[in-house]
Amino acid sequence: MVPARDHQCPVTALDLAPNSFYVRAMPRISAAAAAMPHVSPMRLAPPAELGEAERVVFRQTVAGVRPDHFLPEDIVLLASYARAACIERKAAEVVAAAPGAPTHDELAAWRDASKILLALSIRLRIGPRARDNHPRPRSFRAPAVVSYYDLAPSQRGGDDEVDEPG
């Protein structure tokens, strides 16, 4: 059972040490700070000129990062990103639906939309590169540790063969 502390600081799993009664989290929260309601930053809303599909992309992008990641001046870039994402999706559908090989114009439209999407994602700091707070050259990164369970064959199906689709 977790020992009760004052009502201002509830005990969390991080507060507990294995061989001690409890470890107080530092710094202590004052009574005035505990009485203040916690207000999280508001997320940006899509501009009115966006279509429904673009609004969905806008909301998904904003919801996918911390609430304080985007500032109000980023709305124009976010709207452009949402438009480019919708154009890229439509172009990819056209390329995929093309009978035989897609035409040069279809591929060019998809390629251009993808390039714009990539450039805007870098400027907005979204995607895998934005998640690393301290980017380092690849030569200095520690090698990834592979777990035995990642390499071991699955025990669920009984056989170790991977079923090929089709």
C-alpha atoms as a PDB file:
ATOM      1  CA  MET A   1       0.000   0.000   0.000  1.00  0.00           C
ATOM      2  CA  VAL A   2       1.267   3.454  -0.877  1.00  0.00           C
ATOM      3  CA  PRO A   3       1.647   5.792   2.111  1.00  0.00           C
ATOM      4  CA  ALA A   4      -0.595   8.828   1.950  1.00  0.00           C
ATOM      5  CA  ARG A   5       0.993  12.243   1.608  1.00  0.00           C
ATOM      6  CA  ASP A   6      -0.461  15.708   1.687  1.00  0.00           C
ATOM      7  CA  HIS A   7      -3.296  16.298  -0.777  1.00  0.00           C
ATOM      8  CA  GLN A   8      -1.220  18.640  -2.936  1.00  0.00           C
ATOM      9  CA  CYS A   9       1.224  16.046  -4.281  1.00  0.00           C
ATOM     10  CA  PRO A  10      -0.259  12.631  -5.074  1.00  0.00           C
ATOM     11  CA  VAL A  11       2.137   9.707  -4.972  1.00  0.00           C
ATOM     12  CA  THR A  12       3.122   8.432  -8.395  1.00  0.00           C
ATOM     13  CA  ALA A  13       5.133   5.411  -9.442  1.00  0.00           C
ATOM     14  CA  LEU A  14       8.133   7.676 -10.047  1.00  0.00           C
ATOM     15  CA  ASP A  15       8.055   8.852  -6.425  1.00  0.00           C
ATOM     16  CA  LEU A  16       8.535   5.372  -5.009  1.00  0.00           C
ATOM     17  CA  ALA A  17      11.944   3.845  -4.415  1.00  0.00           C
ATOM     18  CA  PRO A  18      12.277   0.065  -3.958  1.00  0.00           C
ATOM     19  CA  ASN A  19      13.785   0.066  -0.429  1.00  0.00           C
ATOM     20  CA  SER A  20      12.524   3.286   1.116  1.00  0.00           C
ATOM     21  CA  PHE A  21       9.294   4.526   2.636  1.00  0.00           C
ATOM     22  CA  TYR A  22       8.847   7.118  -0.109  1.00  0.00           C
ATOM     23  CA  VAL A  23      10.874   9.653  -2.029  1.00  0.00           C
ATOM     24  CA  ARG A  24       9.400  13.135  -2.242  1.00  0.00           C
ATOM     25  CA  ALA A  25       9.317  14.590  -5.722  1.00  0.00           C
ATOM     26  CA  MET A  26      11.268  17.817  -6.028  1.00  0.00           C
ATOM     27  CA  PRO A  27      10.589  20.675  -6.217  1.00  0.00           C
ATOM     28  CA  ARG A  28       7.696  20.820  -3.814  1.00  0.00           C
ATOM     29  CA  ILE A  29       4.504  22.323  -5.193  1.00  0.00           C
ATOM     30  CA  SER A  30       3.390  25.323  -3.151  1.00  0.00           C
ATOM     31  CA  ALA A  31      -0.172  25.621  -1.876  1.00  0.00           C
ATOM     32  CA  ALA A  32      -0.769  28.610  -4.175  1.00  0.00           C
ATOM     33  CA  ALA A  33       0.471  26.678  -7.216  1.00  0.00           C
ATOM     34  CA  ALA A  34      -1.611  23.633  -6.315  1.00  0.00           C
ATOM     35  CA  ALA A  35      -4.728  25.818  -6.048  1.00  0.00           C
ATOM     36  CA  MET A  36      -4.228  27.211  -9.582  1.00  0.00           C
ATOM     37  CA  PRO A  37      -6.048  25.223 -12.267  1.00  0.00           C
ATOM     38  CA  HIS A  38      -3.818  23.719 -14.924  1.00  0.00           C
ATOM     39  CA  VAL A  39      -4.621  25.232 -18.300  1.00  0.00           C
ATOM     40  CA  SER A  40      -3.145  23.519 -21.307  1.00  0.00           C
ATOM     41  CA  PRO A  41      -2.394  25.515 -24.460  1.00  0.00           C
ATOM     42  CA  MET A  42      -5.175  25.628 -27.029  1.00  0.00           C
ATOM     43  CA  ARG A  43      -4.670  23.731 -30.264  1.00  0.00           C
ATOM     44  CA  LEU A  44      -4.917  25.645 -33.527  1.00  0.00           C
ATOM     45  CA  ALA A  45      -8.150  25.460 -35.506  1.00  0.00           C
ATOM     46  CA  PRO A  46      -8.192  25.094 -39.304  1.00  0.00           C
ATOM     47  CA  PRO A  47      -8.935  28.230 -41.314  1.00  0.00           C
ATOM     48  CA  ALA A  48     -12.396  28.571 -42.867  1.00  0.00           C
ATOM     49  CA  GLU A  49     -11.153  28.446 -46.475  1.00  0.00           C
ATOM     50  CA  LEU A  50     -10.012  24.804 -46.222  1.00  0.00           C
ATOM     51  CA  GLY A  51     -12.177  22.028 -47.652  1.00  0.00           C
ATOM     52  CA  GLU A  52     -13.420  19.165 -45.472  1.00  0.00           C
ATOM     53  CA  ALA A  53     -10.615  16.723 -46.403  1.00  0.00           C
ATOM     54  CA  GLU A  54      -8.014  19.434 -45.830  1.00  0.00           C
ATOM     55  CA  ARG A  55      -9.562  20.281 -42.449  1.00  0.00           C
ATOM     56  CA  VAL A  56      -9.227  16.630 -41.423  1.00  0.00           C
ATOM     57  CA  VAL A  57      -5.528  16.623 -42.367  1.00  0.00           C
ATOM     58  CA  PHE A  58      -5.032  19.939 -40.544  1.00  0.00           C
ATOM     59  CA  ARG A  59      -6.660  18.605 -37.358  1.00  0.00           C
ATOM     60  CA  GLN A  60      -4.748  15.309 -37.512  1.00  0.00           C
ATOM     61  CA  THR A  61      -1.457  17.142 -37.930  1.00  0.00           C
ATOM     62  CA  VAL A  62      -2.126  19.523 -35.047  1.00  0.00           C
ATOM     63  CA  ALA A  63      -3.357  16.691 -32.816  1.00  0.00           C
ATOM     64  CA  GLY A  64      -0.274  14.602 -33.581  1.00  0.00           C
ATOM     65  CA  VAL A  65       2.167  16.893 -31.758  1.00  0.00           C
ATOM     66  CA  ARG A  66       2.408  18.607 -28.379  1.00  0.00           C
ATOM     67  CA  PRO A  67      -0.188  21.369 -27.868  1.00  0.00           C
ATOM     68  CA  ASP A  68       2.531  24.037 -27.727  1.00  0.00           C
ATOM     69  CA  HIS A  69       4.338  22.841 -30.892  1.00  0.00           C
ATOM     70  CA  PHE A  70       2.551  25.182 -33.306  1.00  0.00           C
ATOM     71  CA  LEU A  71       2.060  28.914 -32.881  1.00  0.00           C
ATOM     72  CA  PRO A  72      -0.691  31.016 -34.503  1.00  0.00           C
ATOM     73  CA  GLU A  73       1.702  32.224 -37.192  1.00  0.00           C
ATOM     74  CA  ASP A  74       2.062  28.594 -38.368  1.00  0.00           C
ATOM     75  CA  ILE A  75      -1.560  28.444 -39.576  1.00  0.00           C
ATOM     76  CA  VAL A  76      -0.632  29.471 -43.136  1.00  0.00           C
ATOM     77  CA  LEU A  77       2.052  26.770 -43.392  1.00  0.00           C
ATOM     78  CA  LEU A  78      -0.240  24.190 -41.802  1.00  0.00           C
ATOM     79  CA  ALA A  79      -3.008  25.030 -44.280  1.00  0.00           C
ATOM     80  CA  SER A  80      -0.536  24.676 -47.162  1.00  0.00           C
ATOM     81  CA  TYR A  81       0.626  21.353 -45.714  1.00  0.00           C
ATOM     82  CA  ALA A  82      -2.975  20.113 -45.508  1.00  0.00           C
ATOM     83  CA  ARG A  83      -3.637  21.145 -49.121  1.00  0.00           C
ATOM     84  CA  ALA A  84      -0.423  19.482 -50.316  1.00  0.00           C
ATOM     85  CA  ALA A  85      -1.270  16.286 -48.422  1.00  0.00           C
ATOM     86  CA  CYS A  86      -4.691  16.104 -50.099  1.00  0.00           C
ATOM     87  CA  ILE A  87      -3.211  16.803 -53.539  1.00  0.00           C
ATOM     88  CA  GLU A  88      -0.546  14.130 -52.964  1.00  0.00           C
ATOM     89  CA  ARG A  89      -3.190  11.573 -51.927  1.00  0.00           C
ATOM     90  CA  LYS A  90      -5.287  12.301 -55.017  1.00  0.00           C
ATOM     91  CA  ALA A  91      -2.231  12.093 -57.273  1.00  0.00           C
ATOM     92  CA  ALA A  92      -1.175   8.801 -55.653  1.00  0.00           C
ATOM     93  CA  GLU A  93      -4.670   7.396 -56.258  1.00  0.00           C
ATOM     94  CA  VAL A  94      -4.471   8.443 -59.934  1.00  0.00           C
ATOM     95  CA  VAL A  95      -1.048   6.799 -60.300  1.00  0.00           C
ATOM     96  CA  ALA A  96      -2.246   3.616 -58.586  1.00  0.00           C
ATOM     97  CA  ALA A  97      -5.443   3.444 -60.665  1.00  0.00           C
ATOM     98  CA  ALA A  98      -3.698   4.015 -63.997  1.00  0.00           C
ATOM     99  CA  PRO A  99      -4.085   1.017 -66.308  1.00  0.00           C
ATOM    100  CA  GLY A 100      -0.613  -0.149 -67.179  1.00  0.00           C
ATOM    101  CA  ALA A 101       2.156   2.343 -66.568  1.00  0.00           C
ATOM    102  CA  PRO A 102       1.159   5.817 -65.329  1.00  0.00           C
ATOM    103  CA  THR A 103       1.835   8.721 -67.666  1.00  0.00           C
ATOM    104  CA  HIS A 104       4.688  11.143 -67.220  1.00  0.00           C
ATOM    105  CA  ASP A 105       2.253  13.919 -66.218  1.00  0.00           C
ATOM    106  CA  GLU A 106       0.620  11.744 -63.549  1.00  0.00           C
ATOM    107  CA  LEU A 107       3.984  10.839 -62.057  1.00  0.00           C
ATOM    108  CA  ALA A 108       5.160  14.455 -62.230  1.00  0.00           C
ATOM    109  CA  ALA A 109       2.056  15.672 -60.363  1.00  0.00           C
ATOM    110  CA  TRP A 110       2.585  13.072 -57.621  1.00  0.00           C
ATOM    111  CA  ARG A 111       6.332  13.816 -57.401  1.00  0.00           C
ATOM    112  CA  ASP A 112       5.788  17.579 -57.151  1.00  0.00           C
ATOM    113  CA  ALA A 113       3.127  17.219 -54.467  1.00  0.00           C
ATOM    114  CA  SER A 114       5.405  14.863 -52.510  1.00  0.00           C
ATOM    115  CA  LYS A 115       8.282  17.348 -52.686  1.00  0.00           C
ATOM    116  CA  ILE A 116       6.088  20.188 -51.426  1.00  0.00           C
ATOM    117  CA  LEU A 117       4.776  17.959 -48.630  1.00  0.00           C
ATOM    118  CA  LEU A 118       8.319  17.061 -47.603  1.00  0.00           C
ATOM    119  CA  ALA A 119       9.502  20.683 -47.629  1.00  0.00           C
ATOM    120  CA  LEU A 120       6.546  21.846 -45.537  1.00  0.00           C
ATOM    121  CA  SER A 121       6.941  19.000 -43.047  1.00  0.00           C
ATOM    122  CA  ILE A 122      10.563  20.003 -42.488  1.00  0.00           C
ATOM    123  CA  ARG A 123       9.594  23.654 -41.971  1.00  0.00           C
ATOM    124  CA  LEU A 124       6.785  22.688 -39.591  1.00  0.00           C
ATOM    125  CA  ARG A 125       9.086  20.273 -37.754  1.00  0.00           C
ATOM    126  CA  ILE A 126       6.789  17.306 -38.035  1.00  0.00           C
ATOM    127  CA  GLY A 127       7.744  13.733 -38.796  1.00  0.00           C
ATOM    128  CA  PRO A 128      10.528  11.433 -37.620  1.00  0.00           C
ATOM    129  CA  ARG A 129      13.353  13.991 -37.798  1.00  0.00           C
ATOM    130  CA  ALA A 130      11.459  16.392 -35.551  1.00  0.00           C
ATOM    131  CA  ARG A 131      11.181  13.849 -32.732  1.00  0.00           C
ATOM    132  CA  ASP A 132      14.922  13.792 -32.031  1.00  0.00           C
ATOM    133  CA  ASN A 133      15.692  16.678 -29.677  1.00  0.00           C
ATOM    134  CA  HIS A 134      19.458  16.396 -30.071  1.00  0.00           C
ATOM    135  CA  PRO A 135      20.324  15.225 -33.567  1.00  0.00           C
ATOM    136  CA  ARG A 136      23.774  13.697 -33.836  1.00  0.00           C
ATOM    137  CA  PRO A 137      25.720  12.406 -36.809  1.00  0.00           C
ATOM    138  CA  ARG A 138      25.016   8.744 -37.542  1.00  0.00           C
ATOM    139  CA  SER A 139      28.586   7.748 -36.748  1.00  0.00           C
ATOM    140  CA  PHE A 140      28.159   8.876 -33.115  1.00  0.00           C
ATOM    141  CA  ARG A 141      24.803   7.222 -32.466  1.00  0.00           C
ATOM    142  CA  ALA A 142      24.746   4.132 -30.350  1.00  0.00           C
ATOM    143  CA  PRO A 143      23.788   1.015 -32.257  1.00  0.00           C
ATOM    144  CA  ALA A 144      20.255  -0.181 -31.698  1.00  0.00           C
ATOM    145  CA  VAL A 145      19.953  -3.013 -29.210  1.00  0.00           C
ATOM    146  CA  VAL A 146      18.009  -5.924 -30.639  1.00  0.00           C
ATOM    147  CA  SER A 147      16.001  -7.969 -28.198  1.00  0.00           C
ATOM    148  CA  TYR A 148      16.030 -11.750 -28.285  1.00  0.00           C
ATOM    149  CA  TYR A 149      12.243 -11.628 -28.614  1.00  0.00           C
ATOM    150  CA  ASP A 150      12.525  -9.575 -31.801  1.00  0.00           C
ATOM    151  CA  LEU A 151      14.713 -12.274 -33.347  1.00  0.00           C
ATOM    152  CA  ALA A 152      13.015 -15.372 -31.913  1.00  0.00           C
ATOM    153  CA  PRO A 153      10.416 -17.178 -34.004  1.00  0.00           C
ATOM    154  CA  SER A 154       6.824 -16.645 -33.023  1.00  0.00           C
ATOM    155  CA  GLN A 155       5.446 -19.163 -30.520  1.00  0.00           C
ATOM    156  CA  ARG A 156       1.790 -18.447 -31.359  1.00  0.00           C
ATOM    157  CA  GLY A 157       1.247 -20.341 -34.582  1.00  0.00           C
ATOM    158  CA  GLY A 158       3.320 -23.439 -33.879  1.00  0.00           C
ATOM    159  CA  ASP A 159       5.330 -23.197 -37.097  1.00  0.00           C
ATOM    160  CA  ASP A 160       8.211 -20.864 -37.790  1.00  0.00           C
ATOM    161  CA  GLU A 161       7.380 -20.169 -41.396  1.00  0.00           C
ATOM    162  CA  VAL A 162       6.017 -16.848 -42.541  1.00  0.00           C
ATOM    163  CA  ASP A 163       2.938 -17.093 -44.701  1.00  0.00           C
ATOM    164  CA  GLU A 164       3.436 -15.408 -48.044  1.00  0.00           C
ATOM    165  CA  PRO A 165       0.459 -13.357 -49.215  1.00  0.00           C
ATOM    166  CA  GLY A 166      -1.191 -14.251 -52.457  1.00  0.00           C
END
